[in-house]
Amino acid sequence: MKITITGRNIELTDGLKSAVEERINKLDRFFSPDTPANVTLSVEKERQKVEVTIPMKKHIIRSEQVSGDMYVSIELVEEAIERQLKKYRNKIVDKKQQGGADFTDEYLEKDTEDPEEIRIIRSKKFGVKPMFPEDACVQMELLGHNFYVFRNADTDEVNVVYKRKDGAYGMIEPEF
C-alpha cells in the first residue's frame, strides 16, 4: 500500500509515522501494492483522532477512531477496517466488473463466511420539492432529522443536507 500520512494540530514524529505504517501495513494482505491509503492524525482538545481513507474504483473504505491516546486510535482504526473488509467482502468485491482489481488475489480467492444480510425494512416515498439548501436545513431541523433530501432550486438536482458531528451542516451533491 502507498500510505500518505497527514497531521492536523499535531507534530508527526517518527514514532507516530512508524506506528501508522506498521498497523496499516497489516492490511497489505488485502490490497494490491499500488492501493493508496490516506491517514490523517488530528488532535482536538483531549481527543486523539485517526482517519483512514482507502479510495478504490467502486468503493471507498473509511474508518475514523477517537480515543485519549493516539497509538490506541491507530490500533483501533486498523482493526475497524479489517472488520469491514471481512464483513462486507462479498458486497465490495465483484471480479466480473473489475471491482476487485485493488485487492490481492489471495483475498479474492479466500472463502469467507456469509456476512449478515443487509435488509431494508422500510421504504418511504415523498415529494421532492425545489428549495434552497438553507431552507432544507431549516426543514431538517424542524423535522428533528440529521439529514434531509431535497431538490436544489438553483441546480434542479437532488441533494442531501446533513448535520455534522461538529454541529455545522454539510451538503451532498451528485457528480456526473
Protein backbone atom coordinates (compact mmCIF):
# COMPACT_ATOMS: atom_id res chain seq x y z
CA MET A 1 0.00 0.00 0.00
CA LYS A 2 1.03 3.57 -0.60
CA ILE A 3 0.46 5.33 2.70
CA THR A 4 0.14 9.13 2.92
CA ILE A 5 0.19 10.49 6.47
CA THR A 6 -1.10 13.97 7.32
CA GLY A 7 -1.24 15.71 10.68
CA ARG A 8 -3.66 18.35 11.95
CA ASN A 9 -2.80 20.16 15.17
CA ILE A 10 -0.11 17.55 15.82
CA GLU A 11 3.57 17.14 15.06
CA LEU A 12 4.15 13.96 13.08
CA THR A 13 7.01 12.32 14.98
CA ASP A 14 8.96 9.37 13.63
CA GLY A 15 7.31 7.21 16.30
CA LEU A 16 3.81 8.13 15.13
CA LYS A 17 4.72 7.61 11.48
CA SER A 18 6.21 4.19 12.15
CA ALA A 19 3.21 3.18 14.30
CA VAL A 20 0.83 4.16 11.47
CA GLU A 21 2.90 2.37 8.83
CA GLU A 22 3.22 -0.76 10.99
CA ARG A 23 -0.53 -1.01 11.65
CA ILE A 24 -1.75 -0.01 8.18
CA ASN A 25 0.78 -2.33 6.52
CA LYS A 26 -1.06 -5.20 8.25
CA LEU A 27 -3.79 -4.52 5.69
CA ASP A 28 -1.33 -5.26 2.84
CA ARG A 29 -2.62 -8.82 2.64
CA PHE A 30 -5.98 -7.47 1.42
CA PHE A 31 -4.84 -4.84 -1.10
CA SER A 32 -2.63 -4.66 -4.16
CA PRO A 33 0.72 -2.85 -3.65
CA ASP A 34 -0.32 0.32 -5.52
CA THR A 35 -3.50 0.91 -3.48
CA PRO A 36 -3.39 4.34 -1.79
CA ALA A 37 -4.19 4.78 1.90
CA ASN A 38 -4.68 8.31 3.24
CA VAL A 39 -4.17 8.61 7.01
CA THR A 40 -4.95 11.78 8.93
CA LEU A 41 -3.95 12.19 12.57
CA SER A 42 -5.54 15.05 14.47
CA VAL A 43 -5.87 16.35 17.99
CA GLU A 44 -8.92 18.25 19.23
CA LYS A 45 -8.76 19.05 22.94
CA GLU A 46 -8.21 15.64 24.58
CA ARG A 47 -9.41 13.68 21.56
CA GLN A 48 -6.77 11.83 19.55
CA LYS A 49 -8.38 11.03 16.20
CA VAL A 50 -7.17 8.86 13.32
CA GLU A 51 -8.98 8.78 9.96
CA VAL A 52 -8.07 6.28 7.24
CA THR A 53 -9.49 6.51 3.73
CA ILE A 54 -8.72 3.94 1.06
CA PRO A 55 -10.18 5.11 -2.28
CA MET A 56 -10.89 2.37 -4.79
CA LYS A 57 -12.60 2.14 -8.17
CA LYS A 58 -16.11 1.44 -6.93
CA HIS A 59 -15.93 1.94 -3.18
CA ILE A 60 -14.27 4.00 -0.51
CA ILE A 61 -13.16 2.15 2.58
CA ARG A 62 -13.04 4.52 5.52
CA SER A 63 -12.77 4.43 9.26
CA GLU A 64 -12.38 7.06 11.94
CA GLN A 65 -11.44 6.24 15.52
CA VAL A 66 -11.06 8.51 18.54
CA SER A 67 -9.51 7.81 21.94
CA GLY A 68 -7.42 9.52 24.59
CA ASP A 69 -4.21 8.04 23.16
CA MET A 70 -3.06 8.37 19.53
CA TYR A 71 -1.43 4.93 19.49
CA VAL A 72 -4.68 3.33 20.69
CA SER A 73 -6.60 5.21 17.98
CA ILE A 74 -4.16 3.91 15.35
CA GLU A 75 -4.69 0.35 16.55
CA LEU A 76 -8.48 0.74 16.65
CA VAL A 77 -8.71 2.16 13.13
CA GLU A 78 -6.72 -0.74 11.64
CA GLU A 79 -8.92 -3.27 13.43
CA ALA A 80 -12.07 -1.49 12.26
CA ILE A 81 -11.01 -1.57 8.60
CA GLU A 82 -10.10 -5.23 8.86
CA ARG A 83 -13.56 -5.98 10.31
CA GLN A 84 -15.20 -4.03 7.48
CA LEU A 85 -13.26 -5.95 4.87
CA LYS A 86 -14.16 -9.30 6.37
CA LYS A 87 -17.82 -8.43 6.92
CA TYR A 88 -18.54 -6.87 3.55
CA ARG A 89 -16.12 -8.88 1.40
CA ASN A 90 -18.83 -10.37 -0.81
CA LYS A 91 -20.51 -6.99 -1.22
CA ILE A 92 -17.45 -4.92 -2.18
CA VAL A 93 -15.60 -7.44 -4.32
CA ASP A 94 -17.05 -8.09 -7.75
CA LYS A 95 -14.42 -9.62 -10.01
CA LYS A 96 -16.72 -9.63 -13.04
CA GLN A 97 -16.90 -5.83 -13.02
CA GLN A 98 -13.23 -5.46 -12.08
CA GLY A 99 -14.14 -4.03 -8.68
CA GLY A 100 -11.68 -6.46 -7.21
CA ALA A 101 -8.66 -5.03 -9.02
CA ASP A 102 -7.46 -3.22 -5.88
CA PHE A 103 -7.46 -6.42 -3.82
CA THR A 104 -4.86 -9.19 -3.68
CA ASP A 105 -5.65 -12.50 -5.38
CA GLU A 106 -5.31 -14.26 -2.02
CA TYR A 107 -8.07 -12.11 -0.54
CA LEU A 108 -10.31 -12.56 -3.59
CA GLU A 109 -9.94 -16.36 -3.65
CA LYS A 110 -10.39 -16.87 0.08
CA ASP A 111 -13.63 -18.50 1.18
CA THR A 112 -15.40 -16.49 3.83
CA GLU A 113 -18.50 -16.90 5.88
CA ASP A 114 -21.58 -15.22 4.50
CA PRO A 115 -21.86 -11.84 6.20
CA GLU A 116 -25.06 -10.68 7.79
CA GLU A 117 -27.54 -9.88 5.07
CA ILE A 118 -28.27 -6.19 4.64
CA ARG A 119 -32.02 -5.77 4.85
CA ILE A 120 -34.07 -2.71 4.09
CA ILE A 121 -37.05 -2.93 6.43
CA ARG A 122 -38.88 0.24 5.45
CA SER A 123 -39.25 2.33 2.34
CA LYS A 124 -40.72 5.83 2.07
CA LYS A 125 -41.89 7.87 -0.87
CA PHE A 126 -42.28 11.61 -0.70
CA GLY A 127 -42.41 14.59 -2.99
CA VAL A 128 -39.10 16.33 -3.52
CA LYS A 129 -39.92 19.99 -3.95
CA PRO A 130 -37.44 22.63 -5.09
CA MET A 131 -35.87 24.64 -2.26
CA PHE A 132 -32.63 26.35 -1.38
CA PRO A 133 -30.07 24.49 0.79
CA GLU A 134 -30.59 26.86 3.72
CA ASP A 135 -34.36 26.19 3.64
CA ALA A 136 -33.64 22.45 3.53
CA CYS A 137 -31.51 22.80 6.69
CA VAL A 138 -34.37 24.60 8.46
CA GLN A 139 -36.82 21.88 7.35
CA MET A 140 -34.41 19.18 8.58
CA GLU A 141 -34.21 20.86 12.00
CA LEU A 142 -38.00 21.23 12.18
CA LEU A 143 -38.39 17.51 11.49
CA GLY A 144 -35.71 16.59 14.04
CA HIS A 145 -33.74 14.57 11.48
CA ASN A 146 -29.99 14.55 10.89
CA PHE A 147 -30.33 14.63 7.07
CA TYR A 148 -32.84 15.90 4.52
CA VAL A 149 -33.29 15.07 0.80
CA PHE A 150 -34.45 17.92 -1.42
CA ARG A 151 -34.35 19.25 -4.99
CA ASN A 152 -31.95 22.19 -5.16
CA ALA A 153 -33.77 25.25 -6.54
CA ASP A 154 -30.50 26.57 -8.03
CA THR A 155 -29.35 23.42 -9.85
CA ASP A 156 -32.57 21.36 -10.10
CA GLU A 157 -30.56 18.34 -8.83
CA VAL A 158 -31.45 16.11 -5.89
CA ASN A 159 -29.17 16.99 -2.94
CA VAL A 160 -28.87 15.97 0.69
CA VAL A 161 -28.11 18.28 3.60
CA TYR A 162 -26.92 16.74 6.84
CA LYS A 163 -25.92 17.70 10.37
CA ARG A 164 -22.19 17.19 11.01
CA LYS A 165 -20.69 15.97 14.27
CA ASP A 166 -19.29 19.45 14.90
CA GLY A 167 -22.81 20.95 14.72
CA ALA A 168 -22.31 22.54 11.29
CA TYR A 169 -24.15 21.48 8.13
CA GLY A 170 -22.92 19.62 5.08
CA MET A 171 -24.41 19.07 1.64
CA ILE A 172 -24.06 16.15 -0.76
CA GLU A 173 -24.39 16.92 -4.45
CA PRO A 174 -24.31 14.43 -7.34
CA GLU A 175 -21.28 14.39 -9.60
CA PHE A 176 -21.73 13.28 -13.17
